[in-house]
Amino acid sequence: MQDSFWQKLPQPFFILAPMEAVTDIIFRHVVAEAGSPDIWFSEFTNATGWTHAGQKAIGGRLVKSIDEDPIVAQIWGGNPNDMQNLASYCRELGFYGIDINMGCPAKSAIKSGGAALIRNPELAIESIKAAKAANLPVSVKTRLGYSNISEYKNWISTLLKQDIVNLTVHLRTKKEMSKVPAHFELIDEIVKLRNEISPQTLLTINGDIKNRAHGEEIVKNHPGVNGIMIGRGIFTDPFCFRNNPKNTEKTQNDLVNLLRIHLGLFDQWQPQTGRPFETLKRFFKIYIKGFDGAKEARELLMQCKSTDEARKIIDSL
């Protein structure tokens, strides 16, 4: 395993989870304003789509800026040659590492990759080897299993034998989606597996983690965990990565100001991402909540057709 930025990170390190149509360059910069994680991940990008259709197929998912340091490209697919091609392209773009998505439960992903690789360990191994050919550190994000949590021992053991730099485990199966609580009771067993098979591989935990303080508590209670990845928690608290547990409660003004920043960043980066204004609407619930009239304000925002219209509404709050 080659030395890389992963070995130089503070521990525990914190990562913003890659989320489709959420963690693009625009929202990552919003999170940076609120409180940065230690590592950024791109949205997950399909290797076969890019190989055969180029930029048109990936819709701005790999747009990044030099201030996102370090940033890892997350890729997925079922063809090792395509994985190698996209990984090499990500190296040219200046990404610090490659993370392979082996846990996405979406129907579009499991046709050729994502969580489907849990059922095809041979292809998973070939995909890792192919990505390594780009000469960047390779990590993997996965789930406990496909249908049953009992699958985790064989599956995670298989991944740990591939000499990857970091393994992120979402503590649910593909079948469970996010409908059940994360299986925190398995963390110590997963740490034990890592220690036995590949002690040099960093271990990151994902699932139902609320904020930095919660993540630090998990690490304290489960020695051996190196990193924490937060996904849906960012929707509840966009300030969740701030290293100040005594000041986690934010006022409505703080949230509205963050929305103003989001609108400005959308205007700045939209020419490069190509994302339509409609994609902004999924974020309004993050900022406009917790006060009388919030529901009505969100309804008005959902009717907007431009950032200028949205600004007029929040100026009236």
C-alpha atoms as a PDB file:
ATOM      1  CA  MET A   1       0.000   0.000   0.000  1.00  0.00           C
ATOM      2  CA  GLN A   2       1.457   3.329  -1.055  1.00  0.00           C
ATOM      3  CA  ASP A   3       1.697   6.233   1.348  1.00  0.00           C
ATOM      4  CA  SER A   4      -0.855   8.935   0.617  1.00  0.00           C
ATOM      5  CA  PHE A   5      -2.820  11.780   2.144  1.00  0.00           C
ATOM      6  CA  TRP A   6      -4.917   9.178   4.014  1.00  0.00           C
ATOM      7  CA  GLN A   7      -2.043   8.370   6.349  1.00  0.00           C
ATOM      8  CA  LYS A   8      -1.554  12.052   7.170  1.00  0.00           C
ATOM      9  CA  LEU A   9      -5.134  12.739   8.265  1.00  0.00           C
ATOM     10  CA  PRO A  10      -6.070  13.589  11.861  1.00  0.00           C
ATOM     11  CA  GLN A  11      -7.883  10.781  13.628  1.00  0.00           C
ATOM     12  CA  PRO A  12     -10.699  10.416  13.762  1.00  0.00           C
ATOM     13  CA  PHE A  13     -11.126  12.018  10.366  1.00  0.00           C
ATOM     14  CA  PHE A  14     -14.528  13.088   9.061  1.00  0.00           C
ATOM     15  CA  ILE A  15     -15.952  12.690   5.555  1.00  0.00           C
ATOM     16  CA  LEU A  16     -19.039  14.110   3.860  1.00  0.00           C
ATOM     17  CA  ALA A  17     -20.705  11.093   2.244  1.00  0.00           C
ATOM     18  CA  PRO A  18     -21.131  11.104  -1.528  1.00  0.00           C
ATOM     19  CA  MET A  19     -24.801  11.570  -2.355  1.00  0.00           C
ATOM     20  CA  GLU A  20     -26.309  11.617  -5.828  1.00  0.00           C
ATOM     21  CA  ALA A  21     -27.514  15.064  -6.934  1.00  0.00           C
ATOM     22  CA  VAL A  22     -26.559  16.461  -3.517  1.00  0.00           C
ATOM     23  CA  THR A  23     -22.814  16.629  -2.917  1.00  0.00           C
ATOM     24  CA  ASP A  24     -21.801  18.482  -6.067  1.00  0.00           C
ATOM     25  CA  ILE A  25     -19.259  21.298  -6.039  1.00  0.00           C
ATOM     26  CA  ILE A  26     -21.990  23.774  -5.087  1.00  0.00           C
ATOM     27  CA  PHE A  27     -23.206  22.009  -1.958  1.00  0.00           C
ATOM     28  CA  ARG A  28     -19.678  21.021  -0.932  1.00  0.00           C
ATOM     29  CA  HIS A  29     -18.797  24.722  -0.823  1.00  0.00           C
ATOM     30  CA  VAL A  30     -21.921  25.409   1.242  1.00  0.00           C
ATOM     31  CA  VAL A  31     -20.754  22.792   3.739  1.00  0.00           C
ATOM     32  CA  ALA A  32     -17.292  24.364   3.728  1.00  0.00           C
ATOM     33  CA  GLU A  33     -18.880  27.642   4.801  1.00  0.00           C
ATOM     34  CA  ALA A  34     -20.763  25.899   7.609  1.00  0.00           C
ATOM     35  CA  GLY A  35     -17.883  23.693   8.773  1.00  0.00           C
ATOM     36  CA  SER A  36     -15.616  21.483   6.686  1.00  0.00           C
ATOM     37  CA  PRO A  37     -15.001  17.749   6.952  1.00  0.00           C
ATOM     38  CA  ASP A  38     -11.436  16.474   6.600  1.00  0.00           C
ATOM     39  CA  ILE A  39     -12.056  14.795   3.210  1.00  0.00           C
ATOM     40  CA  TRP A  40     -14.375  15.613   0.338  1.00  0.00           C
ATOM     41  CA  PHE A  41     -15.913  12.974  -1.934  1.00  0.00           C
ATOM     42  CA  SER A  42     -17.399  13.653  -5.352  1.00  0.00           C
ATOM     43  CA  GLU A  43     -20.826  12.424  -6.302  1.00  0.00           C
ATOM     44  CA  PHE A  44     -20.613   8.830  -7.523  1.00  0.00           C
ATOM     45  CA  THR A  45     -19.805   8.722 -11.204  1.00  0.00           C
ATOM     46  CA  ASN A  46     -20.532   5.876 -13.613  1.00  0.00           C
ATOM     47  CA  ALA A  47     -17.398   4.594 -15.334  1.00  0.00           C
ATOM     48  CA  THR A  48     -19.133   2.942 -18.277  1.00  0.00           C
ATOM     49  CA  GLY A  49     -21.291   5.982 -18.956  1.00  0.00           C
ATOM     50  CA  TRP A  50     -18.215   8.219 -19.045  1.00  0.00           C
ATOM     51  CA  THR A  51     -16.174   5.780 -21.165  1.00  0.00           C
ATOM     52  CA  HIS A  52     -18.828   5.596 -23.862  1.00  0.00           C
ATOM     53  CA  ALA A  53     -20.497   9.021 -23.705  1.00  0.00           C
ATOM     54  CA  GLY A  54     -17.963  11.328 -22.062  1.00  0.00           C
ATOM     55  CA  GLN A  55     -18.947  14.443 -20.138  1.00  0.00           C
ATOM     56  CA  LYS A  56     -22.545  14.250 -21.294  1.00  0.00           C
ATOM     57  CA  ALA A  57     -22.995  11.083 -19.223  1.00  0.00           C
ATOM     58  CA  ILE A  58     -21.661  12.407 -15.935  1.00  0.00           C
ATOM     59  CA  GLY A  59     -23.442  15.757 -15.727  1.00  0.00           C
ATOM     60  CA  GLY A  60     -20.927  17.832 -13.785  1.00  0.00           C
ATOM     61  CA  ARG A  61     -20.275  15.166 -11.138  1.00  0.00           C
ATOM     62  CA  LEU A  62     -16.496  15.567 -11.370  1.00  0.00           C
ATOM     63  CA  VAL A  63     -16.376  19.366 -11.382  1.00  0.00           C
ATOM     64  CA  LYS A  64     -14.154  20.456  -8.487  1.00  0.00           C
ATOM     65  CA  SER A  65     -11.983  23.379  -7.405  1.00  0.00           C
ATOM     66  CA  ILE A  66      -8.464  23.669  -6.022  1.00  0.00           C
ATOM     67  CA  ASP A  67      -9.669  24.655  -2.554  1.00  0.00           C
ATOM     68  CA  GLU A  68     -11.302  21.237  -2.038  1.00  0.00           C
ATOM     69  CA  ASP A  69      -8.283  19.593  -0.508  1.00  0.00           C
ATOM     70  CA  PRO A  70      -8.160  16.625  -0.334  1.00  0.00           C
ATOM     71  CA  ILE A  71     -10.943  15.383  -2.606  1.00  0.00           C
ATOM     72  CA  VAL A  72     -11.603  11.783  -3.670  1.00  0.00           C
ATOM     73  CA  ALA A  73     -13.475  10.763  -6.819  1.00  0.00           C
ATOM     74  CA  GLN A  74     -16.081   8.105  -6.138  1.00  0.00           C
ATOM     75  CA  ILE A  75     -16.747   5.888  -9.133  1.00  0.00           C
ATOM     76  CA  TRP A  76     -18.896   2.852  -9.832  1.00  0.00           C
ATOM     77  CA  GLY A  77     -19.551   0.318 -12.541  1.00  0.00           C
ATOM     78  CA  GLY A  78     -19.336  -3.315 -13.567  1.00  0.00           C
ATOM     79  CA  ASN A  79     -16.585  -3.206 -16.197  1.00  0.00           C
ATOM     80  CA  PRO A  80     -12.998  -3.157 -14.881  1.00  0.00           C
ATOM     81  CA  ASN A  81     -11.598  -1.586 -18.056  1.00  0.00           C
ATOM     82  CA  ASP A  82     -14.082   1.265 -17.764  1.00  0.00           C
ATOM     83  CA  MET A  83     -13.168   1.666 -14.082  1.00  0.00           C
ATOM     84  CA  GLN A  84      -9.502   1.961 -15.025  1.00  0.00           C
ATOM     85  CA  ASN A  85     -10.293   4.503 -17.731  1.00  0.00           C
ATOM     86  CA  LEU A  86     -12.293   6.735 -15.421  1.00  0.00           C
ATOM     87  CA  ALA A  87      -9.815   6.378 -12.561  1.00  0.00           C
ATOM     88  CA  SER A  88      -7.015   7.511 -14.873  1.00  0.00           C
ATOM     89  CA  TYR A  89      -9.107  10.468 -15.996  1.00  0.00           C
ATOM     90  CA  CYS A  90      -9.736  11.413 -12.369  1.00  0.00           C
ATOM     91  CA  ARG A  91      -5.995  11.418 -11.807  1.00  0.00           C
ATOM     92  CA  GLU A  92      -5.622  13.849 -14.720  1.00  0.00           C
ATOM     93  CA  LEU A  93      -8.257  16.077 -13.125  1.00  0.00           C
ATOM     94  CA  GLY A  94      -6.232  16.258  -9.923  1.00  0.00           C
ATOM     95  CA  PHE A  95      -8.254  14.064  -7.578  1.00  0.00           C
ATOM     96  CA  TYR A  96      -6.324  12.753  -4.601  1.00  0.00           C
ATOM     97  CA  GLY A  97      -7.768   9.252  -4.621  1.00  0.00           C
ATOM     98  CA  ILE A  98     -10.360   6.857  -6.020  1.00  0.00           C
ATOM     99  CA  ASP A  99     -13.211   5.411  -3.965  1.00  0.00           C
ATOM    100  CA  ILE A 100     -15.258   2.573  -5.453  1.00  0.00           C
ATOM    101  CA  ASN A 101     -18.946   2.518  -4.632  1.00  0.00           C
ATOM    102  CA  MET A 102     -19.893  -1.053  -3.721  1.00  0.00           C
ATOM    103  CA  GLY A 103     -22.946  -0.226  -1.645  1.00  0.00           C
ATOM    104  CA  CYS A 104     -25.401   1.932  -3.579  1.00  0.00           C
ATOM    105  CA  PRO A 105     -28.821   0.217  -3.485  1.00  0.00           C
ATOM    106  CA  ALA A 106     -30.404   2.216  -6.326  1.00  0.00           C
ATOM    107  CA  LYS A 107     -31.883   0.102  -9.124  1.00  0.00           C
ATOM    108  CA  SER A 108     -29.857   1.935 -11.748  1.00  0.00           C
ATOM    109  CA  ALA A 109     -26.613   1.171  -9.891  1.00  0.00           C
ATOM    110  CA  ILE A 110     -27.148  -2.505  -9.106  1.00  0.00           C
ATOM    111  CA  LYS A 111     -27.620  -3.365 -12.773  1.00  0.00           C
ATOM    112  CA  SER A 112     -23.854  -3.255 -13.180  1.00  0.00           C
ATOM    113  CA  GLY A 113     -22.225  -2.138  -9.940  1.00  0.00           C
ATOM    114  CA  GLY A 114     -22.948  -0.576  -6.579  1.00  0.00           C
ATOM    115  CA  ALA A 115     -24.316  -3.092  -4.077  1.00  0.00           C
ATOM    116  CA  ALA A 116     -24.505  -5.743  -6.818  1.00  0.00           C
ATOM    117  CA  LEU A 117     -20.758  -6.263  -6.363  1.00  0.00           C
ATOM    118  CA  ILE A 118     -21.475  -7.736  -2.923  1.00  0.00           C
ATOM    119  CA  ARG A 119     -22.901 -10.711  -4.815  1.00  0.00           C
ATOM    120  CA  ASN A 120     -20.027 -10.763  -7.268  1.00  0.00           C
ATOM    121  CA  PRO A 121     -16.800 -10.639  -5.236  1.00  0.00           C
ATOM    122  CA  GLU A 122     -14.655 -11.701  -8.200  1.00  0.00           C
ATOM    123  CA  LEU A 123     -15.778  -8.653 -10.160  1.00  0.00           C
ATOM    124  CA  ALA A 124     -15.275  -6.474  -7.079  1.00  0.00           C
ATOM    125  CA  ILE A 125     -11.666  -7.676  -6.832  1.00  0.00           C
ATOM    126  CA  GLU A 126     -11.057  -7.013 -10.539  1.00  0.00           C
ATOM    127  CA  SER A 127     -12.548  -3.528 -10.194  1.00  0.00           C
ATOM    128  CA  ILE A 128     -10.178  -2.690  -7.347  1.00  0.00           C
ATOM    129  CA  LYS A 129      -7.180  -3.931  -9.323  1.00  0.00           C
ATOM    130  CA  ALA A 130      -8.271  -1.908 -12.334  1.00  0.00           C
ATOM    131  CA  ALA A 131      -8.702   1.290 -10.335  1.00  0.00           C
ATOM    132  CA  LYS A 132      -5.259   0.849  -8.775  1.00  0.00           C
ATOM    133  CA  ALA A 133      -3.724   0.988 -12.254  1.00  0.00           C
ATOM    134  CA  ALA A 134      -4.370   4.750 -12.197  1.00  0.00           C
ATOM    135  CA  ASN A 135      -1.714   5.004  -9.477  1.00  0.00           C
ATOM    136  CA  LEU A 136      -3.928   6.726  -6.946  1.00  0.00           C
ATOM    137  CA  PRO A 137      -4.827   5.391  -3.482  1.00  0.00           C
ATOM    138  CA  VAL A 138      -7.949   3.246  -3.779  1.00  0.00           C
ATOM    139  CA  SER A 139     -10.636   2.939  -1.119  1.00  0.00           C
ATOM    140  CA  VAL A 140     -14.045   1.261  -1.035  1.00  0.00           C
ATOM    141  CA  LYS A 141     -17.448   2.205   0.376  1.00  0.00           C
ATOM    142  CA  THR A 142     -19.840  -0.677   0.934  1.00  0.00           C
ATOM    143  CA  ARG A 143     -22.590  -2.154   3.099  1.00  0.00           C
ATOM    144  CA  LEU A 144     -22.699  -5.094   5.493  1.00  0.00           C
ATOM    145  CA  GLY A 145     -24.211  -7.372   2.884  1.00  0.00           C
ATOM    146  CA  TYR A 146     -26.852  -7.628   0.228  1.00  0.00           C
ATOM    147  CA  SER A 147     -29.763  -9.316   2.006  1.00  0.00           C
ATOM    148  CA  ASN A 148     -28.519 -10.398   5.442  1.00  0.00           C
ATOM    149  CA  ILE A 149     -26.149  -8.848   7.954  1.00  0.00           C
ATOM    150  CA  SER A 150     -24.532 -12.281   8.375  1.00  0.00           C
ATOM    151  CA  GLU A 151     -22.881 -11.715   5.000  1.00  0.00           C
ATOM    152  CA  TYR A 152     -20.547  -9.094   6.457  1.00  0.00           C
ATOM    153  CA  LYS A 153     -17.822 -11.483   7.617  1.00  0.00           C
ATOM    154  CA  ASN A 154     -17.093 -13.005   4.219  1.00  0.00           C
ATOM    155  CA  TRP A 155     -17.721  -9.826   2.255  1.00  0.00           C
ATOM    156  CA  ILE A 156     -15.695  -7.449   4.376  1.00  0.00           C
ATOM    157  CA  SER A 157     -12.923 -10.031   4.725  1.00  0.00           C
ATOM    158  CA  THR A 158     -12.741 -10.237   0.927  1.00  0.00           C
ATOM    159  CA  LEU A 159     -12.354  -6.465   0.618  1.00  0.00           C
ATOM    160  CA  LEU A 160      -9.755  -6.244   3.375  1.00  0.00           C
ATOM    161  CA  LYS A 161      -7.569  -8.742   1.516  1.00  0.00           C
ATOM    162  CA  GLN A 162      -7.290  -6.336  -1.450  1.00  0.00           C
ATOM    163  CA  ASP A 163      -4.857  -3.920   0.248  1.00  0.00           C
ATOM    164  CA  ILE A 164      -7.126  -0.883  -0.020  1.00  0.00           C
ATOM    165  CA  VAL A 165      -6.215   2.278   1.845  1.00  0.00           C
ATOM    166  CA  ASN A 166      -9.610   2.819   3.506  1.00  0.00           C
ATOM    167  CA  LEU A 167     -12.793   0.816   3.892  1.00  0.00           C
ATOM    168  CA  THR A 168     -16.023   2.663   4.646  1.00  0.00           C
ATOM    169  CA  VAL A 169     -18.792   0.436   5.985  1.00  0.00           C
ATOM    170  CA  HIS A 170     -22.384   1.630   5.947  1.00  0.00           C
ATOM    171  CA  LEU A 171     -23.841  -0.369   8.812  1.00  0.00           C
ATOM    172  CA  ARG A 172     -26.858  -1.708   6.914  1.00  0.00           C
ATOM    173  CA  THR A 173     -27.493  -4.192   4.115  1.00  0.00           C
ATOM    174  CA  LYS A 174     -28.659  -3.304   0.630  1.00  0.00           C
ATOM    175  CA  LYS A 175     -32.069  -4.785   1.433  1.00  0.00           C
ATOM    176  CA  GLU A 176     -32.420  -2.679   4.585  1.00  0.00           C
ATOM    177  CA  MET A 177     -31.799   0.559   2.663  1.00  0.00           C
ATOM    178  CA  SER A 178     -32.153   3.175   5.442  1.00  0.00           C
ATOM    179  CA  LYS A 179     -35.338   1.718   6.896  1.00  0.00           C
ATOM    180  CA  VAL A 180     -33.755   0.241  10.040  1.00  0.00           C
ATOM    181  CA  PRO A 181     -31.270   1.635  12.570  1.00  0.00           C
ATOM    182  CA  ALA A 182     -27.603   1.224  11.691  1.00  0.00           C
ATOM    183  CA  HIS A 183     -26.043  -1.880  13.242  1.00  0.00           C
ATOM    184  CA  PHE A 184     -23.631  -0.204  15.642  1.00  0.00           C
ATOM    185  CA  GLU A 185     -23.464  -3.487  17.572  1.00  0.00           C
ATOM    186  CA  LEU A 186     -21.245  -4.900  14.795  1.00  0.00           C
ATOM    187  CA  ILE A 187     -18.564  -2.196  14.883  1.00  0.00           C
ATOM    188  CA  ASP A 188     -16.232  -4.045  17.254  1.00  0.00           C
ATOM    189  CA  GLU A 189     -16.479  -7.245  15.194  1.00  0.00           C
ATOM    190  CA  ILE A 190     -15.612  -5.292  12.033  1.00  0.00           C
ATOM    191  CA  VAL A 191     -12.649  -3.665  13.796  1.00  0.00           C
ATOM    192  CA  LYS A 192     -11.481  -7.132  14.854  1.00  0.00           C
ATOM    193  CA  LEU A 193     -11.687  -8.392  11.258  1.00  0.00           C
ATOM    194  CA  ARG A 194      -9.683  -5.407  10.031  1.00  0.00           C
ATOM    195  CA  ASN A 195      -7.027  -5.915  12.708  1.00  0.00           C
ATOM    196  CA  GLU A 196      -6.653  -9.589  11.818  1.00  0.00           C
ATOM    197  CA  ILE A 197      -6.636  -9.301   8.036  1.00  0.00           C
ATOM    198  CA  SER A 198      -5.295  -5.863   7.123  1.00  0.00           C
ATOM    199  CA  PRO A 199      -4.289  -3.701  10.092  1.00  0.00           C
ATOM    200  CA  GLN A 200      -2.869  -1.062   7.728  1.00  0.00           C
ATOM    201  CA  THR A 201      -6.291  -0.436   6.172  1.00  0.00           C
ATOM    202  CA  LEU A 202      -8.137   2.498   7.691  1.00  0.00           C
ATOM    203  CA  LEU A 203     -11.718   1.841   8.806  1.00  0.00           C
ATOM    204  CA  THR A 204     -14.501   4.400   8.426  1.00  0.00           C
ATOM    205  CA  ILE A 205     -18.011   3.973   9.833  1.00  0.00           C
ATOM    206  CA  ASN A 206     -21.161   5.345   8.178  1.00  0.00           C
ATOM    207  CA  GLY A 207     -24.868   5.292   9.049  1.00  0.00           C
ATOM    208  CA  ASP A 208     -27.077   7.327  11.417  1.00  0.00           C
ATOM    209  CA  ILE A 209     -24.210   9.545  12.599  1.00  0.00           C
ATOM    210  CA  LYS A 210     -25.528  12.970  13.507  1.00  0.00           C
ATOM    211  CA  ASN A 211     -22.517  15.247  13.873  1.00  0.00           C
ATOM    212  CA  ARG A 212     -18.854  15.506  14.841  1.00  0.00           C
ATOM    213  CA  ALA A 213     -19.544  15.056  18.551  1.00  0.00           C
ATOM    214  CA  HIS A 214     -21.576  11.917  17.866  1.00  0.00           C
ATOM    215  CA  GLY A 215     -18.806  10.567  15.643  1.00  0.00           C
ATOM    216  CA  GLU A 216     -16.168  11.228  18.279  1.00  0.00           C
ATOM    217  CA  GLU A 217     -18.304   9.383  20.822  1.00  0.00           C
ATOM    218  CA  ILE A 218     -18.505   6.366  18.508  1.00  0.00           C
ATOM    219  CA  VAL A 219     -14.735   6.320  18.081  1.00  0.00           C
ATOM    220  CA  LYS A 220     -14.257   6.574  21.841  1.00  0.00           C
ATOM    221  CA  ASN A 221     -16.612   3.657  22.445  1.00  0.00           C
ATOM    222  CA  HIS A 222     -15.135   1.545  19.631  1.00  0.00           C
ATOM    223  CA  PRO A 223     -11.319   1.793  19.590  1.00  0.00           C
ATOM    224  CA  GLY A 224      -9.868   1.038  16.200  1.00  0.00           C
ATOM    225  CA  VAL A 225     -12.301   3.100  14.151  1.00  0.00           C
ATOM    226  CA  ASN A 226     -10.274   5.652  12.192  1.00  0.00           C
ATOM    227  CA  GLY A 227     -12.885   7.730  10.418  1.00  0.00           C
ATOM    228  CA  ILE A 228     -16.503   8.822  10.412  1.00  0.00           C
ATOM    229  CA  MET A 229     -18.647   9.486   7.341  1.00  0.00           C
ATOM    230  CA  ILE A 230     -21.807  11.586   7.678  1.00  0.00           C
ATOM    231  CA  GLY A 231     -24.521  11.471   5.021  1.00  0.00           C
ATOM    232  CA  ARG A 232     -28.135  12.276   5.814  1.00  0.00           C
ATOM    233  CA  GLY A 233     -27.078  14.067   9.013  1.00  0.00           C
ATOM    234  CA  ILE A 234     -26.072  17.027   6.852  1.00  0.00           C
ATOM    235  CA  PHE A 235     -29.760  17.591   5.999  1.00  0.00           C
ATOM    236  CA  THR A 236     -30.655  17.873   9.677  1.00  0.00           C
ATOM    237  CA  ASP A 237     -27.664  20.010  10.588  1.00  0.00           C
ATOM    238  CA  PRO A 238     -25.533  21.540   7.821  1.00  0.00           C
ATOM    239  CA  PHE A 239     -23.145  22.698  10.554  1.00  0.00           C
ATOM    240  CA  CYS A 240     -22.572  19.106  11.727  1.00  0.00           C
ATOM    241  CA  PHE A 241     -18.835  19.060  10.984  1.00  0.00           C
ATOM    242  CA  ARG A 242     -18.046  22.085  13.141  1.00  0.00           C
ATOM    243  CA  ASN A 243     -15.544  21.246  15.839  1.00  0.00           C
ATOM    244  CA  ASN A 244     -17.478  23.014  18.564  1.00  0.00           C
ATOM    245  CA  PRO A 245     -19.961  20.723  20.317  1.00  0.00           C
ATOM    246  CA  LYS A 246     -21.071  23.507  22.682  1.00  0.00           C
ATOM    247  CA  ASN A 247     -22.247  25.644  19.773  1.00  0.00           C
ATOM    248  CA  THR A 248     -24.099  23.247  17.509  1.00  0.00           C
ATOM    249  CA  GLU A 249     -27.506  24.938  17.756  1.00  0.00           C
ATOM    250  CA  LYS A 250     -27.856  27.537  15.040  1.00  0.00           C
ATOM    251  CA  THR A 251     -30.412  30.302  14.732  1.00  0.00           C
ATOM    252  CA  GLN A 252     -32.811  30.645  11.847  1.00  0.00           C
ATOM    253  CA  ASN A 253     -30.749  33.592  10.631  1.00  0.00           C
ATOM    254  CA  ASP A 254     -27.688  31.338  10.403  1.00  0.00           C
ATOM    255  CA  LEU A 255     -29.615  28.884   8.250  1.00  0.00           C
ATOM    256  CA  VAL A 256     -31.140  31.564   6.014  1.00  0.00           C
ATOM    257  CA  ASN A 257     -27.700  33.134   5.521  1.00  0.00           C
ATOM    258  CA  LEU A 258     -26.415  29.717   4.499  1.00  0.00           C
ATOM    259  CA  LEU A 259     -29.199  29.530   1.916  1.00  0.00           C
ATOM    260  CA  ARG A 260     -28.098  32.916   0.564  1.00  0.00           C
ATOM    261  CA  ILE A 261     -24.603  31.513   0.193  1.00  0.00           C
ATOM    262  CA  HIS A 262     -26.012  28.436  -1.542  1.00  0.00           C
ATOM    263  CA  LEU A 263     -27.883  30.590  -4.068  1.00  0.00           C
ATOM    264  CA  GLY A 264     -24.738  32.600  -4.806  1.00  0.00           C
ATOM    265  CA  LEU A 265     -22.639  29.462  -5.270  1.00  0.00           C
ATOM    266  CA  PHE A 266     -25.273  28.038  -7.593  1.00  0.00           C
ATOM    267  CA  ASP A 267     -25.010  31.132  -9.792  1.00  0.00           C
ATOM    268  CA  GLN A 268     -21.208  30.902  -9.715  1.00  0.00           C
ATOM    269  CA  TRP A 269     -20.851  27.235 -10.640  1.00  0.00           C
ATOM    270  CA  GLN A 270     -23.975  26.489 -12.687  1.00  0.00           C
ATOM    271  CA  PRO A 271     -22.285  27.252 -16.021  1.00  0.00           C
ATOM    272  CA  GLN A 272     -19.810  24.431 -15.310  1.00  0.00           C
ATOM    273  CA  THR A 273     -22.166  21.929 -13.689  1.00  0.00           C
ATOM    274  CA  GLY A 274     -25.059  22.504 -16.067  1.00  0.00           C
ATOM    275  CA  ARG A 275     -27.521  21.826 -13.261  1.00  0.00           C
ATOM    276  CA  PRO A 276     -30.983  23.409 -13.738  1.00  0.00           C
ATOM    277  CA  PHE A 277     -32.509  25.623 -11.035  1.00  0.00           C
ATOM    278  CA  GLU A 278     -34.975  22.842 -10.173  1.00  0.00           C
ATOM    279  CA  THR A 279     -32.157  20.866  -8.558  1.00  0.00           C
ATOM    280  CA  LEU A 280     -31.879  23.542  -5.868  1.00  0.00           C
ATOM    281  CA  LYS A 281     -35.348  22.866  -4.548  1.00  0.00           C
ATOM    282  CA  ARG A 282     -34.393  19.685  -2.707  1.00  0.00           C
ATOM    283  CA  PHE A 283     -32.199  21.804  -0.417  1.00  0.00           C
ATOM    284  CA  PHE A 284     -34.741  24.382   0.776  1.00  0.00           C
ATOM    285  CA  LYS A 285     -35.944  22.133   3.620  1.00  0.00           C
ATOM    286  CA  ILE A 286     -32.427  22.225   5.104  1.00  0.00           C
ATOM    287  CA  TYR A 287     -32.538  25.954   5.688  1.00  0.00           C
ATOM    288  CA  ILE A 288     -36.189  26.963   6.006  1.00  0.00           C
ATOM    289  CA  LYS A 289     -37.530  25.190   9.078  1.00  0.00           C
ATOM    290  CA  GLY A 290     -38.283  25.558  12.750  1.00  0.00           C
ATOM    291  CA  PHE A 291     -40.238  28.825  12.774  1.00  0.00           C
ATOM    292  CA  ASP A 292     -43.813  30.000  12.262  1.00  0.00           C
ATOM    293  CA  GLY A 293     -44.475  30.328   8.565  1.00  0.00           C
ATOM    294  CA  ALA A 294     -41.606  28.038   7.503  1.00  0.00           C
ATOM    295  CA  LYS A 295     -43.904  25.677   5.627  1.00  0.00           C
ATOM    296  CA  GLU A 296     -45.499  28.540   3.717  1.00  0.00           C
ATOM    297  CA  ALA A 297     -42.090  30.006   2.907  1.00  0.00           C
ATOM    298  CA  ARG A 298     -40.898  26.655   1.534  1.00  0.00           C
ATOM    299  CA  GLU A 299     -44.010  26.397  -0.621  1.00  0.00           C
ATOM    300  CA  LEU A 300     -43.284  29.817  -2.112  1.00  0.00           C
ATOM    301  CA  LEU A 301     -39.656  28.861  -2.741  1.00  0.00           C
ATOM    302  CA  MET A 302     -40.759  25.694  -4.509  1.00  0.00           C
ATOM    303  CA  GLN A 303     -42.661  27.855  -6.999  1.00  0.00           C
ATOM    304  CA  CYS A 304     -39.580  29.918  -7.887  1.00  0.00           C
ATOM    305  CA  LYS A 305     -37.892  29.684 -11.247  1.00  0.00           C
ATOM    306  CA  SER A 306     -34.652  31.545 -10.497  1.00  0.00           C
ATOM    307  CA  THR A 307     -32.235  32.404  -7.714  1.00  0.00           C
ATOM    308  CA  ASP A 308     -33.351  36.045  -7.879  1.00  0.00           C
ATOM    309  CA  GLU A 309     -36.946  35.008  -7.154  1.00  0.00           C
ATOM    310  CA  ALA A 310     -35.737  32.871  -4.258  1.00  0.00           C
ATOM    311  CA  ARG A 311     -33.744  35.790  -2.830  1.00  0.00           C
ATOM    312  CA  LYS A 312     -36.816  38.010  -2.835  1.00  0.00           C
ATOM    313  CA  ILE A 313     -38.707  35.466  -0.784  1.00  0.00           C
ATOM    314  CA  ILE A 314     -35.999  34.980   1.828  1.00  0.00           C
ATOM    315  CA  ASP A 315     -35.497  38.762   2.025  1.00  0.00           C
ATOM    316  CA  SER A 316     -39.134  38.997   3.117  1.00  0.00           C
ATOM    317  CA  LEU A 317     -38.768  36.517   5.974  1.00  0.00           C
END
